[in-house]
Amino acid sequence: MPGHDHGPQIRNGELYEKLRDEGASKEKAARIANAQAAGTLHHPGGTLESRSKKQLYDEAKEIGIEGRSGMDKGALAKAIREHG
C-alpha cells in the first residue's frame, strides 16, 4: 500500500496505511487519519480531563466512538484514550 493514492477523502495517507496494517477497518482508519490531519484527534491544550464534556463528545464523534451519547465526561475521556 505505500505510495497508494487514497484520493482526497483520506487526508493523512501515511497514518491511514499504518492503521490498516495494524488491522483497523477502512472506515476507522479513515476517521482517525482525517481527525489527526484536521487537528481534532490530539489537542495540545492539556489533558483529556481538562477539556469540557462537549469537547470530549465532539472528539469522540469525530473518531467514531460508539455509545458516546450515554457517556459521562470520565467515560468519554477513557474511551478516547483507549481508542488511539
PDB file of N, CA and C in Angstrom:
ATOM      1  N   MET A   1       0.788  -1.207   0.000  1.00  0.00           N
ATOM      2  CA  MET A   1       0.000   0.000   0.000  1.00  0.00           C
ATOM      3  C   MET A   1       0.831   1.273   0.000  1.00  0.00           C
ATOM      4  N   PRO A   2       2.097   1.265   0.415  1.00  0.00           N
ATOM      5  CA  PRO A   2       2.858   2.507   0.409  1.00  0.00           C
ATOM      6  C   PRO A   2       2.840   3.151  -0.961  1.00  0.00           C
ATOM      7  N   GLY A   3       2.684   4.467  -0.964  1.00  0.00           N
ATOM      8  CA  GLY A   3       2.650   5.208  -2.198  1.00  0.00           C
ATOM      9  C   GLY A   3       1.287   5.192  -2.873  1.00  0.00           C
ATOM     10  N   HIS A   4       0.334   4.525  -2.285  1.00  0.00           N
ATOM     11  CA  HIS A   4      -1.004   4.428  -2.865  1.00  0.00           C
ATOM     12  C   HIS A   4      -1.732   5.754  -2.669  1.00  0.00           C
ATOM     13  N   ASP A   5      -2.366   6.226  -3.727  1.00  0.00           N
ATOM     14  CA  ASP A   5      -3.149   7.449  -3.640  1.00  0.00           C
ATOM     15  C   ASP A   5      -4.561   7.075  -3.194  1.00  0.00           C
ATOM     16  N   HIS A   6      -4.927   7.451  -1.984  1.00  0.00           N
ATOM     17  CA  HIS A   6      -6.238   7.116  -1.429  1.00  0.00           C
ATOM     18  C   HIS A   6      -7.295   8.116  -1.859  1.00  0.00           C
ATOM     19  N   GLY A   7      -6.894   9.136  -2.563  1.00  0.00           N
ATOM     20  CA  GLY A   7      -7.830  10.157  -3.004  1.00  0.00           C
ATOM     21  C   GLY A   7      -8.000  11.249  -1.962  1.00  0.00           C
ATOM     22  N   PRO A   8      -8.786  12.258  -2.291  1.00  0.00           N
ATOM     23  CA  PRO A   8      -8.926  13.416  -1.396  1.00  0.00           C
ATOM     24  C   PRO A   8      -9.683  13.123  -0.109  1.00  0.00           C
ATOM     25  N   GLN A   9     -10.406  12.001  -0.048  1.00  0.00           N
ATOM     26  CA  GLN A   9     -11.161  11.702   1.170  1.00  0.00           C
ATOM     27  C   GLN A   9     -10.254  11.287   2.331  1.00  0.00           C
ATOM     28  N   ILE A  10      -9.028  10.848   2.052  1.00  0.00           N
ATOM     29  CA  ILE A  10      -8.067  10.478   3.095  1.00  0.00           C
ATOM     30  C   ILE A  10      -7.031  11.586   3.170  1.00  0.00           C
ATOM     31  N   ARG A  11      -7.017  12.295   4.286  1.00  0.00           N
ATOM     32  CA  ARG A  11      -6.145  13.461   4.416  1.00  0.00           C
ATOM     33  C   ARG A  11      -4.743  13.123   4.902  1.00  0.00           C
ATOM     34  N   ASN A  12      -4.570  11.975   5.533  1.00  0.00           N
ATOM     35  CA  ASN A  12      -3.245  11.565   6.005  1.00  0.00           C
ATOM     36  C   ASN A  12      -3.048  10.109   5.589  1.00  0.00           C
ATOM     37  N   GLY A  13      -2.591   9.922   4.351  1.00  0.00           N
ATOM     38  CA  GLY A  13      -2.441   8.595   3.787  1.00  0.00           C
ATOM     39  C   GLY A  13      -1.463   7.723   4.543  1.00  0.00           C
ATOM     40  N   GLU A  14      -0.393   8.314   5.056  1.00  0.00           N
ATOM     41  CA  GLU A  14       0.615   7.543   5.791  1.00  0.00           C
ATOM     42  C   GLU A  14       0.020   6.935   7.056  1.00  0.00           C
ATOM     43  N   LEU A  15      -0.705   7.749   7.831  1.00  0.00           N
ATOM     44  CA  LEU A  15      -1.343   7.242   9.044  1.00  0.00           C
ATOM     45  C   LEU A  15      -2.425   6.224   8.688  1.00  0.00           C
ATOM     46  N   TYR A  16      -3.185   6.488   7.642  1.00  0.00           N
ATOM     47  CA  TYR A  16      -4.220   5.556   7.189  1.00  0.00           C
ATOM     48  C   TYR A  16      -3.606   4.185   6.904  1.00  0.00           C
ATOM     49  N   GLU A  17      -2.521   4.171   6.145  1.00  0.00           N
ATOM     50  CA  GLU A  17      -1.868   2.906   5.807  1.00  0.00           C
ATOM     51  C   GLU A  17      -1.344   2.193   7.045  1.00  0.00           C
ATOM     52  N   LYS A  18      -0.774   2.950   7.986  1.00  0.00           N
ATOM     53  CA  LYS A  18      -0.262   2.358   9.223  1.00  0.00           C
ATOM     54  C   LYS A  18      -1.394   1.702  10.011  1.00  0.00           C
ATOM     55  N   LEU A  19      -2.508   2.391  10.125  1.00  0.00           N
ATOM     56  CA  LEU A  19      -3.648   1.850  10.862  1.00  0.00           C
ATOM     57  C   LEU A  19      -4.225   0.619  10.172  1.00  0.00           C
ATOM     58  N   ARG A  20      -4.292   0.640   8.846  1.00  0.00           N
ATOM     59  CA  ARG A  20      -4.781  -0.532   8.103  1.00  0.00           C
ATOM     60  C   ARG A  20      -3.847  -1.713   8.312  1.00  0.00           C
ATOM     61  N   ASP A  21      -2.526  -1.465   8.300  1.00  0.00           N
ATOM     62  CA  ASP A  21      -1.549  -2.527   8.539  1.00  0.00           C
ATOM     63  C   ASP A  21      -1.709  -3.123   9.932  1.00  0.00           C
ATOM     64  N   GLU A  22      -2.161  -2.292  10.891  1.00  0.00           N
ATOM     65  CA  GLU A  22      -2.368  -2.757  12.263  1.00  0.00           C
ATOM     66  C   GLU A  22      -3.727  -3.440  12.436  1.00  0.00           C
ATOM     67  N   GLY A  23      -4.519  -3.489  11.375  1.00  0.00           N
ATOM     68  CA  GLY A  23      -5.779  -4.212  11.423  1.00  0.00           C
ATOM     69  C   GLY A  23      -7.033  -3.374  11.554  1.00  0.00           C
ATOM     70  N   ALA A  24      -6.902  -2.052  11.529  1.00  0.00           N
ATOM     71  CA  ALA A  24      -8.090  -1.203  11.621  1.00  0.00           C
ATOM     72  C   ALA A  24      -8.909  -1.323  10.339  1.00  0.00           C
ATOM     73  N   SER A  25     -10.218  -1.199  10.467  1.00  0.00           N
ATOM     74  CA  SER A  25     -11.082  -1.222   9.286  1.00  0.00           C
ATOM     75  C   SER A  25     -10.796   0.023   8.450  1.00  0.00           C
ATOM     76  N   LYS A  26     -11.228   0.000   7.199  1.00  0.00           N
ATOM     77  CA  LYS A  26     -11.040   1.155   6.322  1.00  0.00           C
ATOM     78  C   LYS A  26     -11.714   2.390   6.908  1.00  0.00           C
ATOM     79  N   GLU A  27     -12.921   2.205   7.438  1.00  0.00           N
ATOM     80  CA  GLU A  27     -13.677   3.325   7.989  1.00  0.00           C
ATOM     81  C   GLU A  27     -12.995   3.919   9.224  1.00  0.00           C
ATOM     82  N   LYS A  28     -12.558   3.053  10.122  1.00  0.00           N
ATOM     83  CA  LYS A  28     -11.902   3.525  11.339  1.00  0.00           C
ATOM     84  C   LYS A  28     -10.588   4.208  11.000  1.00  0.00           C
ATOM     85  N   ALA A  29      -9.795   3.617  10.115  1.00  0.00           N
ATOM     86  CA  ALA A  29      -8.521   4.211   9.723  1.00  0.00           C
ATOM     87  C   ALA A  29      -8.738   5.571   9.078  1.00  0.00           C
ATOM     88  N   ALA A  30      -9.759   5.686   8.246  1.00  0.00           N
ATOM     89  CA  ALA A  30     -10.052   6.961   7.588  1.00  0.00           C
ATOM     90  C   ALA A  30     -10.464   8.019   8.606  1.00  0.00           C
ATOM     91  N   ARG A  31     -11.334   7.640   9.560  1.00  0.00           N
ATOM     92  CA  ARG A  31     -11.775   8.610  10.578  1.00  0.00           C
ATOM     93  C   ARG A  31     -10.600   9.115  11.397  1.00  0.00           C
ATOM     94  N   ILE A  32      -9.742   8.205  11.840  1.00  0.00           N
ATOM     95  CA  ILE A  32      -8.606   8.600  12.673  1.00  0.00           C
ATOM     96  C   ILE A  32      -7.623   9.440  11.872  1.00  0.00           C
ATOM     97  N   ALA A  33      -7.296   8.996  10.654  1.00  0.00           N
ATOM     98  CA  ALA A  33      -6.343   9.742   9.821  1.00  0.00           C
ATOM     99  C   ALA A  33      -6.863  11.136   9.515  1.00  0.00           C
ATOM    100  N   ASN A  34      -8.139  11.259   9.209  1.00  0.00           N
ATOM    101  CA  ASN A  34      -8.704  12.566   8.903  1.00  0.00           C
ATOM    102  C   ASN A  34      -8.808  13.445  10.140  1.00  0.00           C
ATOM    103  N   ALA A  35      -9.131  12.863  11.284  1.00  0.00           N
ATOM    104  CA  ALA A  35      -9.188  13.639  12.528  1.00  0.00           C
ATOM    105  C   ALA A  35      -7.805  14.152  12.892  1.00  0.00           C
ATOM    106  N   GLN A  36      -6.789  13.317  12.725  1.00  0.00           N
ATOM    107  CA  GLN A  36      -5.421  13.745  13.013  1.00  0.00           C
ATOM    108  C   GLN A  36      -5.016  14.871  12.069  1.00  0.00           C
ATOM    109  N   ALA A  37      -5.333  14.739  10.795  1.00  0.00           N
ATOM    110  CA  ALA A  37      -4.975  15.754   9.813  1.00  0.00           C
ATOM    111  C   ALA A  37      -5.690  17.079  10.089  1.00  0.00           C
ATOM    112  N   ALA A  38      -6.908  16.994  10.597  1.00  0.00           N
ATOM    113  CA  ALA A  38      -7.677  18.199  10.907  1.00  0.00           C
ATOM    114  C   ALA A  38      -7.287  18.812  12.249  1.00  0.00           C
ATOM    115  N   GLY A  39      -6.455  18.111  13.003  1.00  0.00           N
ATOM    116  CA  GLY A  39      -6.032  18.621  14.302  1.00  0.00           C
ATOM    117  C   GLY A  39      -7.036  18.392  15.401  1.00  0.00           C
ATOM    118  N   THR A  40      -7.989  17.511  15.190  1.00  0.00           N
ATOM    119  CA  THR A  40      -9.009  17.277  16.210  1.00  0.00           C
ATOM    120  C   THR A  40      -8.780  16.003  17.003  1.00  0.00           C
ATOM    121  N   LEU A  41      -7.782  15.222  16.623  1.00  0.00           N
ATOM    122  CA  LEU A  41      -7.532  13.966  17.332  1.00  0.00           C
ATOM    123  C   LEU A  41      -6.777  14.201  18.629  1.00  0.00           C
ATOM    124  N   HIS A  42      -5.758  15.010  18.571  1.00  0.00           N
ATOM    125  CA  HIS A  42      -4.957  15.305  19.761  1.00  0.00           C
ATOM    126  C   HIS A  42      -4.903  16.812  19.950  1.00  0.00           C
ATOM    127  N   HIS A  43      -5.282  17.242  21.113  1.00  0.00           N
ATOM    128  CA  HIS A  43      -5.283  18.669  21.410  1.00  0.00           C
ATOM    129  C   HIS A  43      -4.068  19.008  22.259  1.00  0.00           C
ATOM    130  N   PRO A  44      -3.285  19.994  21.827  1.00  0.00           N
ATOM    131  CA  PRO A  44      -2.110  20.368  22.610  1.00  0.00           C
ATOM    132  C   PRO A  44      -2.472  21.095  23.898  1.00  0.00           C
ATOM    133  N   GLY A  45      -3.727  21.485  24.053  1.00  0.00           N
ATOM    134  CA  GLY A  45      -4.142  22.289  25.187  1.00  0.00           C
ATOM    135  C   GLY A  45      -4.524  21.505  26.418  1.00  0.00           C
ATOM    136  N   GLY A  46      -3.696  20.601  26.869  1.00  0.00           N
ATOM    137  CA  GLY A  46      -3.956  19.935  28.132  1.00  0.00           C
ATOM    138  C   GLY A  46      -4.430  18.505  28.004  1.00  0.00           C
ATOM    139  N   THR A  47      -4.691  17.938  29.163  1.00  0.00           N
ATOM    140  CA  THR A  47      -5.100  16.533  29.224  1.00  0.00           C
ATOM    141  C   THR A  47      -6.567  16.389  28.846  1.00  0.00           C
ATOM    142  N   LEU A  48      -6.975  15.184  28.614  1.00  0.00           N
ATOM    143  CA  LEU A  48      -8.376  14.933  28.302  1.00  0.00           C
ATOM    144  C   LEU A  48      -9.284  15.412  29.425  1.00  0.00           C
ATOM    145  N   GLU A  49      -8.858  15.179  30.654  1.00  0.00           N
ATOM    146  CA  GLU A  49      -9.687  15.551  31.800  1.00  0.00           C
ATOM    147  C   GLU A  49      -9.873  17.063  31.930  1.00  0.00           C
ATOM    148  N   SER A  50      -8.970  17.855  31.332  1.00  0.00           N
ATOM    149  CA  SER A  50      -9.094  19.305  31.447  1.00  0.00           C
ATOM    150  C   SER A  50     -10.060  19.882  30.408  1.00  0.00           C
ATOM    151  N   ARG A  51     -10.520  19.060  29.489  1.00  0.00           N
ATOM    152  CA  ARG A  51     -11.445  19.517  28.458  1.00  0.00           C
ATOM    153  C   ARG A  51     -12.882  19.397  28.935  1.00  0.00           C
ATOM    154  N   SER A  52     -13.751  20.159  28.295  1.00  0.00           N
ATOM    155  CA  SER A  52     -15.173  20.099  28.649  1.00  0.00           C
ATOM    156  C   SER A  52     -15.785  18.813  28.094  1.00  0.00           C
ATOM    157  N   LYS A  53     -16.945  18.455  28.641  1.00  0.00           N
ATOM    158  CA  LYS A  53     -17.641  17.267  28.161  1.00  0.00           C
ATOM    159  C   LYS A  53     -17.988  17.433  26.682  1.00  0.00           C
ATOM    160  N   LYS A  54     -18.380  18.633  26.277  1.00  0.00           N
ATOM    161  CA  LYS A  54     -18.716  18.876  24.872  1.00  0.00           C
ATOM    162  C   LYS A  54     -17.500  18.675  23.976  1.00  0.00           C
ATOM    163  N   GLN A  55     -16.335  19.160  24.398  1.00  0.00           N
ATOM    164  CA  GLN A  55     -15.123  18.960  23.608  1.00  0.00           C
ATOM    165  C   GLN A  55     -14.804  17.469  23.470  1.00  0.00           C
ATOM    166  N   LEU A  56     -14.941  16.740  24.563  1.00  0.00           N
ATOM    167  CA  LEU A  56     -14.692  15.297  24.537  1.00  0.00           C
ATOM    168  C   LEU A  56     -15.709  14.588  23.650  1.00  0.00           C
ATOM    169  N   TYR A  57     -16.967  14.981  23.770  1.00  0.00           N
ATOM    170  CA  TYR A  57     -18.013  14.381  22.946  1.00  0.00           C
ATOM    171  C   TYR A  57     -17.729  14.624  21.461  1.00  0.00           C
ATOM    172  N   ASP A  58     -17.364  15.859  21.127  1.00  0.00           N
ATOM    173  CA  ASP A  58     -17.079  16.193  19.728  1.00  0.00           C
ATOM    174  C   ASP A  58     -15.907  15.384  19.189  1.00  0.00           C
ATOM    175  N   GLU A  59     -14.874  15.211  20.012  1.00  0.00           N
ATOM    176  CA  GLU A  59     -13.728  14.405  19.585  1.00  0.00           C
ATOM    177  C   GLU A  59     -14.127  12.940  19.433  1.00  0.00           C
ATOM    178  N   ALA A  60     -14.918  12.431  20.372  1.00  0.00           N
ATOM    179  CA  ALA A  60     -15.386  11.038  20.284  1.00  0.00           C
ATOM    180  C   ALA A  60     -16.215  10.841  19.020  1.00  0.00           C
ATOM    181  N   LYS A  61     -17.028  11.817  18.675  1.00  0.00           N
ATOM    182  CA  LYS A  61     -17.832  11.747  17.457  1.00  0.00           C
ATOM    183  C   LYS A  61     -16.927  11.734  16.231  1.00  0.00           C
ATOM    184  N   GLU A  62     -15.925  12.600  16.217  1.00  0.00           N
ATOM    185  CA  GLU A  62     -15.006  12.705  15.085  1.00  0.00           C
ATOM    186  C   GLU A  62     -14.264  11.394  14.825  1.00  0.00           C
ATOM    187  N   ILE A  63     -13.876  10.699  15.879  1.00  0.00           N
ATOM    188  CA  ILE A  63     -13.104   9.465  15.681  1.00  0.00           C
ATOM    189  C   ILE A  63     -13.991   8.213  15.676  1.00  0.00           C
ATOM    190  N   GLY A  64     -15.293   8.413  15.833  1.00  0.00           N
ATOM    191  CA  GLY A  64     -16.224   7.307  15.646  1.00  0.00           C
ATOM    192  C   GLY A  64     -16.452   6.401  16.833  1.00  0.00           C
ATOM    193  N   ILE A  65     -16.389   6.930  18.042  1.00  0.00           N
ATOM    194  CA  ILE A  65     -16.650   6.117  19.229  1.00  0.00           C
ATOM    195  C   ILE A  65     -18.155   5.928  19.382  1.00  0.00           C
ATOM    196  N   GLU A  66     -18.571   4.675  19.410  1.00  0.00           N
ATOM    197  CA  GLU A  66     -19.988   4.367  19.544  1.00  0.00           C
ATOM    198  C   GLU A  66     -20.413   4.421  21.009  1.00  0.00           C
ATOM    199  N   GLY A  67     -21.673   4.767  21.239  1.00  0.00           N
ATOM    200  CA  GLY A  67     -22.217   4.833  22.585  1.00  0.00           C
ATOM    201  C   GLY A  67     -21.858   6.105  23.327  1.00  0.00           C
ATOM    202  N   ARG A  68     -21.280   7.056  22.624  1.00  0.00           N
ATOM    203  CA  ARG A  68     -20.789   8.288  23.274  1.00  0.00           C
ATOM    204  C   ARG A  68     -21.898   9.126  23.895  1.00  0.00           C
ATOM    205  N   SER A  69     -23.110   9.056  23.340  1.00  0.00           N
ATOM    206  CA  SER A  69     -24.192   9.904  23.854  1.00  0.00           C
ATOM    207  C   SER A  69     -24.590   9.521  25.277  1.00  0.00           C
ATOM    208  N   GLY A  70     -24.334   8.283  25.665  1.00  0.00           N
ATOM    209  CA  GLY A  70     -24.673   7.846  27.014  1.00  0.00           C
ATOM    210  C   GLY A  70     -23.521   7.933  28.001  1.00  0.00           C
ATOM    211  N   MET A  71     -22.390   8.478  27.559  1.00  0.00           N
ATOM    212  CA  MET A  71     -21.194   8.524  28.415  1.00  0.00           C
ATOM    213  C   MET A  71     -21.093   9.840  29.166  1.00  0.00           C
ATOM    214  N   ASP A  72     -20.583   9.745  30.396  1.00  0.00           N
ATOM    215  CA  ASP A  72     -20.262  10.962  31.126  1.00  0.00           C
ATOM    216  C   ASP A  72     -18.853  11.404  30.733  1.00  0.00           C
ATOM    217  N   LYS A  73     -18.407  12.503  31.294  1.00  0.00           N
ATOM    218  CA  LYS A  73     -17.111  13.080  30.925  1.00  0.00           C
ATOM    219  C   LYS A  73     -15.969  12.086  31.133  1.00  0.00           C
ATOM    220  N   GLY A  74     -15.954  11.399  32.246  1.00  0.00           N
ATOM    221  CA  GLY A  74     -14.895  10.433  32.541  1.00  0.00           C
ATOM    222  C   GLY A  74     -14.880   9.272  31.560  1.00  0.00           C
ATOM    223  N   ALA A  75     -16.059   8.792  31.215  1.00  0.00           N
ATOM    224  CA  ALA A  75     -16.156   7.677  30.267  1.00  0.00           C
ATOM    225  C   ALA A  75     -15.713   8.115  28.870  1.00  0.00           C
ATOM    226  N   LEU A  76     -16.063   9.345  28.483  1.00  0.00           N
ATOM    227  CA  LEU A  76     -15.622   9.864  27.186  1.00  0.00           C
ATOM    228  C   LEU A  76     -14.100   9.947  27.129  1.00  0.00           C
ATOM    229  N   ALA A  77     -13.489  10.494  28.183  1.00  0.00           N
ATOM    230  CA  ALA A  77     -12.029  10.607  28.231  1.00  0.00           C
ATOM    231  C   ALA A  77     -11.385   9.226  28.145  1.00  0.00           C
ATOM    232  N   LYS A  78     -11.931   8.270  28.857  1.00  0.00           N
ATOM    233  CA  LYS A  78     -11.388   6.910  28.842  1.00  0.00           C
ATOM    234  C   LYS A  78     -11.519   6.283  27.459  1.00  0.00           C
ATOM    235  N   ALA A  79     -12.678   6.460  26.837  1.00  0.00           N
ATOM    236  CA  ALA A  79     -12.901   5.875  25.513  1.00  0.00           C
ATOM    237  C   ALA A  79     -11.954   6.482  24.476  1.00  0.00           C
ATOM    238  N   ILE A  80     -11.742   7.785  24.543  1.00  0.00           N
ATOM    239  CA  ILE A  80     -10.818   8.446  23.616  1.00  0.00           C
ATOM    240  C   ILE A  80      -9.404   7.951  23.848  1.00  0.00           C
ATOM    241  N   ARG A  81      -9.009   7.872  25.088  1.00  0.00           N
ATOM    242  CA  ARG A  81      -7.649   7.418  25.419  1.00  0.00           C
ATOM    243  C   ARG A  81      -7.422   6.002  24.924  1.00  0.00           C
ATOM    244  N   GLU A  82      -8.391   5.121  25.100  1.00  0.00           N
ATOM    245  CA  GLU A  82      -8.247   3.736  24.698  1.00  0.00           C
ATOM    246  C   GLU A  82      -8.388   3.538  23.199  1.00  0.00           C
ATOM    247  N   HIS A  83      -9.001   4.503  22.538  1.00  0.00           N
ATOM    248  CA  HIS A  83      -9.220   4.403  21.089  1.00  0.00           C
ATOM    249  C   HIS A  83      -7.938   4.597  20.305  1.00  0.00           C
ATOM    250  N   GLY A  84      -7.108   5.519  20.721  1.00  0.00           N
ATOM    251  CA  GLY A  84      -5.903   5.859  19.963  1.00  0.00           C
ATOM    252  C   GLY A  84      -4.792   4.967  20.253  1.00  0.00           C
TER     253      GLY A  84
END
